[in-house]
């Protein structure tokens, strides 16, 4: 371990991966420092505490979804069905490349019911995800409730796939969502 220089974004990526794989509680600042090749004290030049580093990791993923996935729901050059297909495929491709599911879903399992600032940042991410689904369905009141259900179904699939990876539960869940969306779009 040394006192090398590291970009803040790279540090956030390393910490996010460790939080996703090991859990928030089971990842120490020392673990992050070692993975980044830094002394533990050097981390505090970037982030005052572990909560802020977690929030930065969540926000980095949220930005990625905004720029590469959620935006697909609002692409006016495509019809509803084409937008939904692109959106669902982008979700699948994002999570298929990541071991241990979703950082936000995993962290939520560790939070107390009240949650605080971390839960609020996660909620914002899930809200944007549901809004994107609802927008593709037309944005009605029932669409929003269904969209939240779909986000929950995807998170459940990501969680259960950790113990049944060969069953491809995420793919099956996304296929069911796509089929249900196609039925609703046709109405």
N, C-alpha and C. Protein backbone atom coordinates (compact mmCIF):
# COMPACT_ATOMS: atom_id res chain seq x y z
N UNK A 1 0.86 -1.18 0.00
CA UNK A 1 0.00 0.00 0.00
C UNK A 1 0.89 1.23 0.00
N UNK A 2 0.43 2.26 -0.65
CA UNK A 2 1.23 3.46 -0.73
C UNK A 2 0.37 4.70 -0.72
N UNK A 3 1.02 5.80 -0.99
CA UNK A 3 0.30 7.07 -1.00
C UNK A 3 0.21 7.59 -2.44
N UNK A 4 -0.24 6.73 -3.34
CA UNK A 4 -0.36 7.13 -4.74
C UNK A 4 -1.52 8.10 -4.90
N UNK A 5 -1.52 8.78 -6.01
CA UNK A 5 -2.64 9.66 -6.36
C UNK A 5 -3.70 8.83 -7.05
N UNK A 6 -4.94 9.15 -6.78
CA UNK A 6 -6.05 8.45 -7.42
C UNK A 6 -7.12 9.49 -7.72
N UNK A 7 -7.77 9.34 -8.85
CA UNK A 7 -8.86 10.24 -9.19
C UNK A 7 -10.05 9.95 -8.29
N UNK A 8 -10.77 10.99 -7.93
CA UNK A 8 -11.92 10.84 -7.05
C UNK A 8 -12.95 9.88 -7.65
N UNK A 9 -13.18 9.99 -8.95
CA UNK A 9 -14.14 9.12 -9.62
C UNK A 9 -13.73 7.65 -9.54
N UNK A 10 -12.45 7.38 -9.66
CA UNK A 10 -11.95 6.00 -9.54
C UNK A 10 -12.16 5.48 -8.13
N UNK A 11 -11.92 6.32 -7.14
CA UNK A 11 -12.14 5.95 -5.75
C UNK A 11 -13.62 5.62 -5.50
N UNK A 12 -14.51 6.43 -6.06
CA UNK A 12 -15.96 6.19 -5.92
C UNK A 12 -16.33 4.85 -6.56
N UNK A 13 -15.77 4.56 -7.70
CA UNK A 13 -16.03 3.29 -8.39
C UNK A 13 -15.56 2.10 -7.55
N UNK A 14 -14.38 2.19 -6.99
CA UNK A 14 -13.84 1.12 -6.14
C UNK A 14 -14.71 0.92 -4.91
N UNK A 15 -15.05 2.00 -4.25
CA UNK A 15 -15.88 1.91 -3.04
C UNK A 15 -17.26 1.35 -3.38
N UNK A 16 -17.86 1.81 -4.46
CA UNK A 16 -19.18 1.31 -4.86
C UNK A 16 -19.17 -0.18 -5.11
N UNK A 17 -18.13 -0.65 -5.75
CA UNK A 17 -18.01 -2.10 -6.02
C UNK A 17 -17.90 -2.87 -4.71
N UNK A 18 -17.08 -2.39 -3.80
CA UNK A 18 -16.93 -3.07 -2.50
C UNK A 18 -18.22 -3.04 -1.70
N UNK A 19 -18.92 -1.90 -1.69
CA UNK A 19 -20.20 -1.82 -0.99
C UNK A 19 -21.20 -2.80 -1.59
N UNK A 20 -21.23 -2.90 -2.91
CA UNK A 20 -22.17 -3.79 -3.59
C UNK A 20 -21.87 -5.25 -3.28
N UNK A 21 -20.60 -5.62 -3.28
CA UNK A 21 -20.22 -7.02 -3.10
C UNK A 21 -20.21 -7.43 -1.63
N UNK A 22 -19.64 -6.60 -0.77
CA UNK A 22 -19.47 -6.96 0.64
C UNK A 22 -20.56 -6.43 1.55
N UNK A 23 -21.32 -5.45 1.06
CA UNK A 23 -22.29 -4.77 1.90
C UNK A 23 -21.66 -3.52 2.49
N UNK A 24 -22.51 -2.58 2.84
CA UNK A 24 -22.03 -1.33 3.42
C UNK A 24 -21.39 -1.56 4.78
N UNK A 25 -22.06 -2.28 5.64
CA UNK A 25 -21.55 -2.51 7.00
C UNK A 25 -20.26 -3.32 7.01
N UNK A 26 -20.12 -4.21 6.04
CA UNK A 26 -18.94 -5.08 6.00
C UNK A 26 -17.79 -4.50 5.18
N UNK A 27 -17.91 -3.27 4.76
CA UNK A 27 -16.83 -2.60 4.04
C UNK A 27 -16.34 -1.45 4.88
N UNK A 28 -15.09 -1.52 5.25
CA UNK A 28 -14.50 -0.45 6.07
C UNK A 28 -13.74 0.53 5.19
N UNK A 29 -13.44 1.66 5.76
CA UNK A 29 -12.61 2.63 5.04
C UNK A 29 -11.23 2.01 4.78
N UNK A 30 -10.77 1.16 5.68
CA UNK A 30 -9.49 0.46 5.48
C UNK A 30 -9.57 -0.45 4.26
N UNK A 31 -10.68 -1.17 4.11
CA UNK A 31 -10.86 -2.04 2.94
C UNK A 31 -10.80 -1.23 1.64
N UNK A 32 -11.47 -0.09 1.65
CA UNK A 32 -11.50 0.78 0.47
C UNK A 32 -10.10 1.31 0.18
N UNK A 33 -9.41 1.74 1.22
CA UNK A 33 -8.04 2.26 1.06
C UNK A 33 -7.13 1.19 0.45
N UNK A 34 -7.21 -0.02 0.97
CA UNK A 34 -6.38 -1.11 0.44
C UNK A 34 -6.69 -1.40 -1.02
N UNK A 35 -7.98 -1.45 -1.36
CA UNK A 35 -8.37 -1.73 -2.74
C UNK A 35 -7.91 -0.62 -3.69
N UNK A 36 -7.85 0.60 -3.17
CA UNK A 36 -7.43 1.75 -3.98
C UNK A 36 -5.93 1.96 -3.97
N UNK A 37 -5.22 1.21 -3.11
CA UNK A 37 -3.78 1.38 -3.00
C UNK A 37 -3.39 2.65 -2.26
N UNK A 38 -4.22 3.04 -1.30
CA UNK A 38 -3.99 4.26 -0.53
C UNK A 38 -3.83 3.95 0.95
N UNK A 39 -3.26 4.90 1.66
CA UNK A 39 -3.32 4.83 3.11
C UNK A 39 -4.72 5.27 3.53
N UNK A 40 -5.21 4.70 4.61
CA UNK A 40 -6.57 5.01 5.06
C UNK A 40 -6.78 6.51 5.24
N UNK A 41 -5.82 7.18 5.82
CA UNK A 41 -5.94 8.62 6.05
C UNK A 41 -6.11 9.42 4.78
N UNK A 42 -5.59 8.89 3.68
CA UNK A 42 -5.72 9.59 2.40
C UNK A 42 -7.17 9.66 1.91
N UNK A 43 -7.99 8.70 2.30
CA UNK A 43 -9.39 8.70 1.89
C UNK A 43 -10.12 9.94 2.38
N UNK A 44 -9.72 10.42 3.55
CA UNK A 44 -10.41 11.54 4.16
C UNK A 44 -10.11 12.88 3.47
N UNK A 45 -9.15 12.86 2.54
CA UNK A 45 -8.92 14.04 1.70
C UNK A 45 -10.02 14.14 0.64
N UNK A 46 -10.64 13.01 0.34
CA UNK A 46 -11.69 12.94 -0.67
C UNK A 46 -13.08 13.00 -0.05
N UNK A 47 -13.27 12.26 1.05
CA UNK A 47 -14.58 12.14 1.70
C UNK A 47 -14.40 12.17 3.21
N UNK A 48 -15.25 12.93 3.88
CA UNK A 48 -15.14 13.08 5.34
C UNK A 48 -15.51 11.80 6.08
N UNK A 49 -16.38 10.97 5.46
CA UNK A 49 -16.77 9.73 6.13
C UNK A 49 -17.30 8.73 5.12
N UNK A 50 -17.58 7.53 5.59
CA UNK A 50 -18.02 6.44 4.73
C UNK A 50 -19.41 6.71 4.15
N UNK A 51 -20.30 7.35 4.91
CA UNK A 51 -21.63 7.67 4.39
C UNK A 51 -21.55 8.55 3.15
N UNK A 52 -20.69 9.55 3.19
CA UNK A 52 -20.55 10.45 2.04
C UNK A 52 -19.97 9.74 0.83
N UNK A 53 -19.09 8.80 1.08
CA UNK A 53 -18.53 8.01 -0.01
C UNK A 53 -19.60 7.11 -0.62
N UNK A 54 -20.44 6.51 0.21
CA UNK A 54 -21.55 5.70 -0.28
C UNK A 54 -22.51 6.56 -1.10
N UNK A 55 -22.86 7.71 -0.59
CA UNK A 55 -23.77 8.61 -1.31
C UNK A 55 -23.17 8.99 -2.67
N UNK A 56 -21.88 9.25 -2.71
CA UNK A 56 -21.23 9.56 -3.99
C UNK A 56 -21.31 8.38 -4.95
N UNK A 57 -21.16 7.16 -4.44
CA UNK A 57 -21.25 5.97 -5.29
C UNK A 57 -22.67 5.80 -5.83
N UNK A 58 -23.66 6.04 -4.99
CA UNK A 58 -25.07 5.95 -5.41
C UNK A 58 -25.35 7.01 -6.47
N UNK A 59 -24.89 8.22 -6.23
CA UNK A 59 -25.14 9.31 -7.18
C UNK A 59 -24.43 9.07 -8.51
N UNK A 60 -23.29 8.43 -8.49
CA UNK A 60 -22.57 8.10 -9.73
C UNK A 60 -23.40 7.14 -10.57
N UNK A 61 -23.96 6.13 -9.93
CA UNK A 61 -24.81 5.18 -10.65
C UNK A 61 -26.08 5.87 -11.14
N UNK A 62 -26.64 6.72 -10.29
CA UNK A 62 -27.85 7.45 -10.69
C UNK A 62 -27.55 8.30 -11.94
N UNK A 63 -26.43 8.99 -11.96
CA UNK A 63 -26.06 9.79 -13.14
C UNK A 63 -25.92 8.90 -14.37
N UNK A 64 -25.30 7.73 -14.19
CA UNK A 64 -25.15 6.81 -15.32
C UNK A 64 -26.52 6.42 -15.86
N UNK A 65 -27.44 6.08 -14.96
CA UNK A 65 -28.79 5.72 -15.41
C UNK A 65 -29.48 6.90 -16.09
N UNK A 66 -29.32 8.10 -15.54
CA UNK A 66 -29.91 9.29 -16.17
C UNK A 66 -29.41 9.45 -17.61
N UNK A 67 -28.10 9.31 -17.78
CA UNK A 67 -27.46 9.59 -19.06
C UNK A 67 -27.58 8.46 -20.08
N UNK A 68 -27.71 7.21 -19.60
CA UNK A 68 -27.66 6.07 -20.52
C UNK A 68 -28.90 5.18 -20.52
N UNK A 69 -29.73 5.26 -19.51
CA UNK A 69 -30.88 4.35 -19.42
C UNK A 69 -32.18 5.12 -19.30
N UNK A 70 -32.33 5.95 -18.27
CA UNK A 70 -33.59 6.68 -18.09
C UNK A 70 -33.92 7.53 -19.32
N UNK A 71 -32.92 8.11 -19.94
CA UNK A 71 -33.14 8.97 -21.12
C UNK A 71 -33.83 8.22 -22.25
N UNK A 72 -33.65 6.90 -22.31
CA UNK A 72 -34.28 6.11 -23.36
C UNK A 72 -35.80 6.15 -23.27
N UNK A 73 -36.31 6.33 -22.07
CA UNK A 73 -37.76 6.39 -21.86
C UNK A 73 -38.37 7.65 -22.45
N UNK A 74 -37.56 8.66 -22.65
CA UNK A 74 -38.06 9.96 -23.10
C UNK A 74 -37.64 10.30 -24.53
N UNK A 75 -37.16 9.31 -25.25
CA UNK A 75 -36.69 9.50 -26.63
C UNK A 75 -37.89 9.60 -27.57
N UNK A 76 -38.25 10.81 -27.94
CA UNK A 76 -39.43 11.06 -28.78
C UNK A 76 -39.27 10.59 -30.22
N UNK A 77 -38.08 10.15 -30.59
CA UNK A 77 -37.89 9.66 -31.95
C UNK A 77 -38.36 8.22 -32.10
N UNK A 78 -38.70 7.57 -30.98
CA UNK A 78 -39.15 6.17 -31.00
C UNK A 78 -40.55 6.07 -30.42
N UNK A 79 -41.28 5.06 -30.84
CA UNK A 79 -42.61 4.82 -30.27
C UNK A 79 -42.47 4.18 -28.89
N UNK A 80 -43.60 4.05 -28.19
CA UNK A 80 -43.57 3.52 -26.82
C UNK A 80 -42.93 2.14 -26.76
N UNK A 81 -43.29 1.28 -27.66
CA UNK A 81 -42.77 -0.09 -27.65
C UNK A 81 -41.26 -0.11 -27.86
N UNK A 82 -40.78 0.65 -28.80
CA UNK A 82 -39.33 0.70 -29.08
C UNK A 82 -38.57 1.28 -27.89
N UNK A 83 -39.14 2.31 -27.26
CA UNK A 83 -38.49 2.89 -26.08
C UNK A 83 -38.43 1.86 -24.95
N UNK A 84 -39.53 1.14 -24.74
CA UNK A 84 -39.58 0.15 -23.67
C UNK A 84 -38.55 -0.95 -23.92
N UNK A 85 -38.47 -1.43 -25.15
CA UNK A 85 -37.50 -2.48 -25.49
C UNK A 85 -36.07 -2.00 -25.24
N UNK A 86 -35.74 -0.80 -25.67
CA UNK A 86 -34.40 -0.25 -25.47
C UNK A 86 -34.11 -0.08 -23.98
N UNK A 87 -35.09 0.39 -23.24
CA UNK A 87 -34.96 0.63 -21.80
C UNK A 87 -34.70 -0.69 -21.06
N UNK A 88 -35.53 -1.69 -21.34
CA UNK A 88 -35.40 -2.98 -20.67
C UNK A 88 -34.06 -3.64 -21.03
N UNK A 89 -33.67 -3.54 -22.29
CA UNK A 89 -32.38 -4.11 -22.70
C UNK A 89 -31.22 -3.41 -22.01
N UNK A 90 -31.29 -2.11 -21.88
CA UNK A 90 -30.21 -1.37 -21.20
C UNK A 90 -30.12 -1.75 -19.73
N UNK A 91 -31.25 -1.96 -19.08
CA UNK A 91 -31.24 -2.41 -17.68
C UNK A 91 -30.56 -3.77 -17.59
N UNK A 92 -30.96 -4.68 -18.46
CA UNK A 92 -30.38 -6.02 -18.46
C UNK A 92 -28.87 -5.97 -18.67
N UNK A 93 -28.44 -5.22 -19.67
CA UNK A 93 -27.01 -5.14 -19.97
C UNK A 93 -26.22 -4.53 -18.81
N UNK A 94 -26.78 -3.54 -18.15
CA UNK A 94 -26.09 -2.93 -17.01
C UNK A 94 -25.88 -3.94 -15.90
N UNK A 95 -26.92 -4.64 -15.52
CA UNK A 95 -26.81 -5.53 -14.37
C UNK A 95 -26.17 -6.87 -14.70
N UNK A 96 -26.26 -7.31 -15.93
CA UNK A 96 -25.64 -8.58 -16.27
C UNK A 96 -24.12 -8.52 -16.11
N UNK A 97 -23.54 -7.36 -16.29
CA UNK A 97 -22.09 -7.19 -16.18
C UNK A 97 -21.63 -6.97 -14.73
N UNK A 98 -22.56 -6.85 -13.80
CA UNK A 98 -22.20 -6.53 -12.42
C UNK A 98 -22.44 -7.71 -11.51
N UNK A 99 -21.40 -8.04 -10.75
CA UNK A 99 -21.59 -9.12 -9.78
C UNK A 99 -22.32 -8.58 -8.55
N UNK A 100 -23.10 -9.41 -7.96
CA UNK A 100 -23.80 -9.12 -6.70
C UNK A 100 -24.90 -8.08 -6.81
N UNK A 101 -25.54 -7.98 -7.95
CA UNK A 101 -26.75 -7.19 -8.05
C UNK A 101 -26.60 -5.69 -8.05
N UNK A 102 -27.49 -5.04 -7.31
CA UNK A 102 -27.63 -3.59 -7.33
C UNK A 102 -27.13 -2.99 -6.01
N UNK A 103 -26.27 -2.02 -6.11
CA UNK A 103 -25.76 -1.35 -4.91
C UNK A 103 -26.90 -0.82 -4.05
N UNK A 104 -27.86 -0.14 -4.67
CA UNK A 104 -28.93 0.48 -3.89
C UNK A 104 -29.80 -0.56 -3.20
N UNK A 105 -30.17 -1.60 -3.92
CA UNK A 105 -30.97 -2.67 -3.32
C UNK A 105 -30.24 -3.34 -2.18
N UNK A 106 -28.95 -3.60 -2.37
CA UNK A 106 -28.16 -4.25 -1.33
C UNK A 106 -28.05 -3.36 -0.09
N UNK A 107 -27.81 -2.08 -0.29
CA UNK A 107 -27.66 -1.16 0.84
C UNK A 107 -28.98 -1.00 1.59
N UNK A 108 -30.09 -0.95 0.86
CA UNK A 108 -31.39 -0.80 1.52
C UNK A 108 -31.65 -1.91 2.52
N UNK A 109 -31.15 -3.11 2.25
CA UNK A 109 -31.33 -4.22 3.17
C UNK A 109 -30.64 -3.97 4.51
N UNK A 110 -29.64 -3.11 4.51
CA UNK A 110 -28.88 -2.83 5.73
C UNK A 110 -29.38 -1.63 6.51
N UNK A 111 -30.21 -0.81 5.89
CA UNK A 111 -30.64 0.43 6.54
C UNK A 111 -31.77 0.18 7.54
N UNK A 112 -31.80 0.97 8.60
CA UNK A 112 -32.96 0.91 9.49
C UNK A 112 -34.19 1.44 8.74
N UNK A 113 -35.35 1.19 9.26
CA UNK A 113 -36.60 1.58 8.58
C UNK A 113 -36.62 3.06 8.19
N UNK A 114 -36.19 3.94 9.09
CA UNK A 114 -36.22 5.38 8.82
C UNK A 114 -35.27 5.75 7.68
N UNK A 115 -34.08 5.22 7.69
CA UNK A 115 -33.16 5.37 6.58
C UNK A 115 -32.32 6.62 6.52
N UNK A 116 -32.87 7.79 6.71
CA UNK A 116 -32.11 9.03 6.68
C UNK A 116 -31.66 9.44 5.29
N UNK A 117 -30.52 10.14 5.24
CA UNK A 117 -30.03 10.73 3.98
C UNK A 117 -29.71 9.67 2.92
N UNK A 118 -29.14 8.56 3.33
CA UNK A 118 -28.80 7.52 2.36
C UNK A 118 -30.08 6.98 1.72
N UNK A 119 -31.09 6.70 2.51
CA UNK A 119 -32.36 6.19 1.98
C UNK A 119 -33.00 7.22 1.05
N UNK A 120 -32.87 8.49 1.36
CA UNK A 120 -33.45 9.53 0.50
C UNK A 120 -32.79 9.56 -0.87
N UNK A 121 -31.48 9.38 -0.90
CA UNK A 121 -30.75 9.37 -2.17
C UNK A 121 -31.13 8.13 -2.99
N UNK A 122 -31.28 7.00 -2.31
CA UNK A 122 -31.70 5.77 -2.99
C UNK A 122 -33.13 5.92 -3.51
N UNK A 123 -34.00 6.49 -2.70
CA UNK A 123 -35.40 6.69 -3.11
C UNK A 123 -35.47 7.56 -4.37
N UNK A 124 -34.65 8.57 -4.43
CA UNK A 124 -34.63 9.44 -5.61
C UNK A 124 -34.30 8.65 -6.87
N UNK A 125 -33.33 7.74 -6.76
CA UNK A 125 -32.95 6.88 -7.88
C UNK A 125 -34.12 5.99 -8.29
N UNK A 126 -34.73 5.32 -7.33
CA UNK A 126 -35.85 4.43 -7.64
C UNK A 126 -37.06 5.22 -8.17
N UNK A 127 -37.29 6.42 -7.63
CA UNK A 127 -38.38 7.27 -8.13
C UNK A 127 -38.16 7.62 -9.60
N UNK A 128 -36.93 7.98 -9.96
CA UNK A 128 -36.64 8.31 -11.36
C UNK A 128 -36.82 7.11 -12.27
N UNK A 129 -36.49 5.94 -11.74
CA UNK A 129 -36.65 4.70 -12.50
C UNK A 129 -38.14 4.45 -12.75
N UNK A 130 -38.95 4.59 -11.71
CA UNK A 130 -40.39 4.39 -11.84
C UNK A 130 -41.01 5.44 -12.77
N UNK A 131 -40.56 6.68 -12.67
CA UNK A 131 -41.07 7.74 -13.55
C UNK A 131 -40.78 7.43 -15.02
N UNK A 132 -39.61 6.87 -15.27
CA UNK A 132 -39.25 6.52 -16.65
C UNK A 132 -40.18 5.42 -17.18
N UNK A 133 -40.38 4.38 -16.37
CA UNK A 133 -41.32 3.33 -16.78
C UNK A 133 -42.71 3.93 -17.01
N UNK A 134 -43.19 4.73 -16.07
CA UNK A 134 -44.54 5.31 -16.17
C UNK A 134 -44.67 6.19 -17.41
N UNK A 135 -43.63 6.94 -17.72
CA UNK A 135 -43.67 7.82 -18.90
C UNK A 135 -43.86 7.01 -20.18
N UNK A 136 -43.23 5.86 -20.24
CA UNK A 136 -43.37 5.03 -21.44
C UNK A 136 -44.76 4.43 -21.56
N UNK A 137 -45.44 4.29 -20.42
CA UNK A 137 -46.80 3.74 -20.43
C UNK A 137 -47.86 4.80 -20.66
N UNK A 138 -47.48 6.05 -20.57
CA UNK A 138 -48.42 7.14 -20.79
C UNK A 138 -48.53 8.09 -19.62
N UNK A 139 -48.04 7.70 -18.46
CA UNK A 139 -47.98 8.61 -17.32
C UNK A 139 -49.24 8.72 -16.48
N UNK A 140 -50.20 7.83 -16.66
CA UNK A 140 -51.41 7.87 -15.84
C UNK A 140 -51.16 7.40 -14.42
N UNK A 141 -52.15 7.61 -13.55
CA UNK A 141 -52.01 7.24 -12.14
C UNK A 141 -51.71 5.75 -11.96
N UNK A 142 -52.43 4.91 -12.66
CA UNK A 142 -52.18 3.47 -12.57
C UNK A 142 -50.81 3.09 -13.12
N UNK A 143 -50.32 3.88 -14.07
CA UNK A 143 -49.00 3.61 -14.65
C UNK A 143 -47.90 3.78 -13.62
N UNK A 144 -48.04 4.78 -12.77
CA UNK A 144 -47.02 5.03 -11.75
C UNK A 144 -46.96 3.88 -10.74
N UNK A 145 -48.10 3.38 -10.31
CA UNK A 145 -48.14 2.26 -9.36
C UNK A 145 -47.52 1.01 -9.99
N UNK A 146 -47.85 0.74 -11.24
CA UNK A 146 -47.30 -0.42 -11.93
C UNK A 146 -45.79 -0.25 -12.11
N UNK A 147 -45.36 0.95 -12.43
CA UNK A 147 -43.93 1.22 -12.62
C UNK A 147 -43.15 0.93 -11.34
N UNK A 148 -43.68 1.35 -10.20
CA UNK A 148 -43.01 1.06 -8.91
C UNK A 148 -42.97 -0.44 -8.65
N UNK A 149 -44.04 -1.12 -9.01
CA UNK A 149 -44.07 -2.58 -8.86
C UNK A 149 -42.98 -3.22 -9.71
N UNK A 150 -42.83 -2.74 -10.94
CA UNK A 150 -41.80 -3.29 -11.82
C UNK A 150 -40.39 -3.06 -11.27
N UNK A 151 -40.15 -1.87 -10.72
CA UNK A 151 -38.84 -1.60 -10.12
C UNK A 151 -38.61 -2.58 -8.96
N UNK A 152 -39.64 -2.80 -8.16
CA UNK A 152 -39.53 -3.77 -7.07
C UNK A 152 -39.28 -5.18 -7.57
N UNK A 153 -39.95 -5.56 -8.64
CA UNK A 153 -39.75 -6.89 -9.22
C UNK A 153 -38.31 -7.06 -9.71
N UNK A 154 -37.77 -6.03 -10.33
CA UNK A 154 -36.39 -6.09 -10.82
C UNK A 154 -35.43 -6.20 -9.64
N UNK A 155 -35.66 -5.41 -8.60
CA UNK A 155 -34.78 -5.47 -7.43
C UNK A 155 -34.86 -6.85 -6.77
N UNK A 156 -36.05 -7.41 -6.68
CA UNK A 156 -36.19 -8.75 -6.14
C UNK A 156 -35.46 -9.78 -6.98
N UNK A 157 -35.56 -9.64 -8.30
CA UNK A 157 -34.86 -10.56 -9.19
C UNK A 157 -33.35 -10.46 -9.01
N UNK A 158 -32.85 -9.24 -8.88
CA UNK A 158 -31.41 -9.06 -8.67
C UNK A 158 -30.96 -9.69 -7.36
N UNK A 159 -31.78 -9.56 -6.35
CA UNK A 159 -31.45 -10.12 -5.04
C UNK A 159 -31.45 -11.65 -5.09
N UNK A 160 -32.50 -12.24 -5.61
CA UNK A 160 -32.61 -13.70 -5.60
C UNK A 160 -31.62 -14.35 -6.57
N UNK A 161 -31.26 -13.61 -7.61
CA UNK A 161 -30.31 -14.15 -8.58
C UNK A 161 -28.92 -14.33 -7.97
N UNK A 162 -28.67 -13.68 -6.84
CA UNK A 162 -27.39 -13.86 -6.16
C UNK A 162 -27.21 -15.31 -5.70
N UNK A 163 -28.33 -15.98 -5.37
CA UNK A 163 -28.20 -17.37 -4.94
C UNK A 163 -28.61 -18.38 -6.02
N UNK A 164 -29.29 -17.89 -7.06
CA UNK A 164 -29.69 -18.75 -8.18
C UNK A 164 -29.24 -18.14 -9.50
N UNK A 165 -27.95 -17.93 -9.69
CA UNK A 165 -27.50 -17.24 -10.91
C UNK A 165 -27.82 -17.99 -12.20
N UNK A 166 -27.81 -19.30 -12.18
CA UNK A 166 -28.05 -20.08 -13.40
C UNK A 166 -29.50 -19.97 -13.87
N UNK A 167 -30.41 -19.56 -12.99
CA UNK A 167 -31.83 -19.50 -13.35
C UNK A 167 -32.19 -18.27 -14.17
N UNK A 168 -31.27 -17.31 -14.29
CA UNK A 168 -31.49 -16.11 -15.12
C UNK A 168 -32.80 -15.41 -14.75
N UNK A 169 -33.01 -15.21 -13.47
CA UNK A 169 -34.25 -14.63 -12.97
C UNK A 169 -34.43 -13.18 -13.44
N UNK A 170 -33.36 -12.42 -13.51
CA UNK A 170 -33.47 -11.04 -13.99
C UNK A 170 -34.01 -11.02 -15.42
N UNK A 171 -33.45 -11.84 -16.28
CA UNK A 171 -33.89 -11.89 -17.68
C UNK A 171 -35.37 -12.27 -17.76
N UNK A 172 -35.77 -13.27 -16.99
CA UNK A 172 -37.18 -13.71 -16.99
C UNK A 172 -38.09 -12.59 -16.48
N UNK A 173 -37.65 -11.89 -15.45
CA UNK A 173 -38.45 -10.79 -14.90
C UNK A 173 -38.60 -9.67 -15.92
N UNK A 174 -37.51 -9.32 -16.57
CA UNK A 174 -37.57 -8.26 -17.59
C UNK A 174 -38.43 -8.69 -18.78
N UNK A 175 -38.38 -9.96 -19.15
CA UNK A 175 -39.23 -10.46 -20.23
C UNK A 175 -40.71 -10.33 -19.85
N UNK A 176 -41.04 -10.64 -18.60
CA UNK A 176 -42.43 -10.52 -18.14
C UNK A 176 -42.87 -9.06 -18.13
N UNK A 177 -41.99 -8.19 -17.68
CA UNK A 177 -42.30 -6.76 -17.68
C UNK A 177 -42.54 -6.27 -19.11
N UNK A 178 -41.69 -6.71 -20.01
CA UNK A 178 -41.82 -6.30 -21.41
C UNK A 178 -43.14 -6.79 -22.00
N UNK A 179 -43.50 -8.04 -21.69
CA UNK A 179 -44.77 -8.59 -22.20
C UNK A 179 -45.96 -7.82 -21.62
N UNK A 180 -45.91 -7.51 -20.34
CA UNK A 180 -47.00 -6.75 -19.72
C UNK A 180 -47.07 -5.33 -20.30
N UNK A 181 -45.91 -4.74 -20.52
CA UNK A 181 -45.86 -3.39 -21.10
C UNK A 181 -46.46 -3.40 -22.50
N UNK A 182 -46.11 -4.40 -23.29
CA UNK A 182 -46.66 -4.50 -24.66
C UNK A 182 -48.18 -4.60 -24.63
N UNK A 183 -48.72 -5.36 -23.69
CA UNK A 183 -50.18 -5.47 -23.57
C UNK A 183 -50.81 -4.12 -23.22
N UNK A 184 -50.19 -3.40 -22.31
CA UNK A 184 -50.74 -2.10 -21.89
C UNK A 184 -50.59 -1.06 -22.99
N UNK A 185 -49.50 -1.10 -23.72
CA UNK A 185 -49.27 -0.14 -24.80
C UNK A 185 -50.28 -0.35 -25.92
N UNK A 186 -50.65 -1.59 -26.19
CA UNK A 186 -51.59 -1.90 -27.26
C UNK A 186 -53.01 -1.42 -26.96
N UNK A 187 -53.34 -1.25 -25.70
CA UNK A 187 -54.71 -0.83 -25.30
C UNK A 187 -55.02 0.58 -25.74
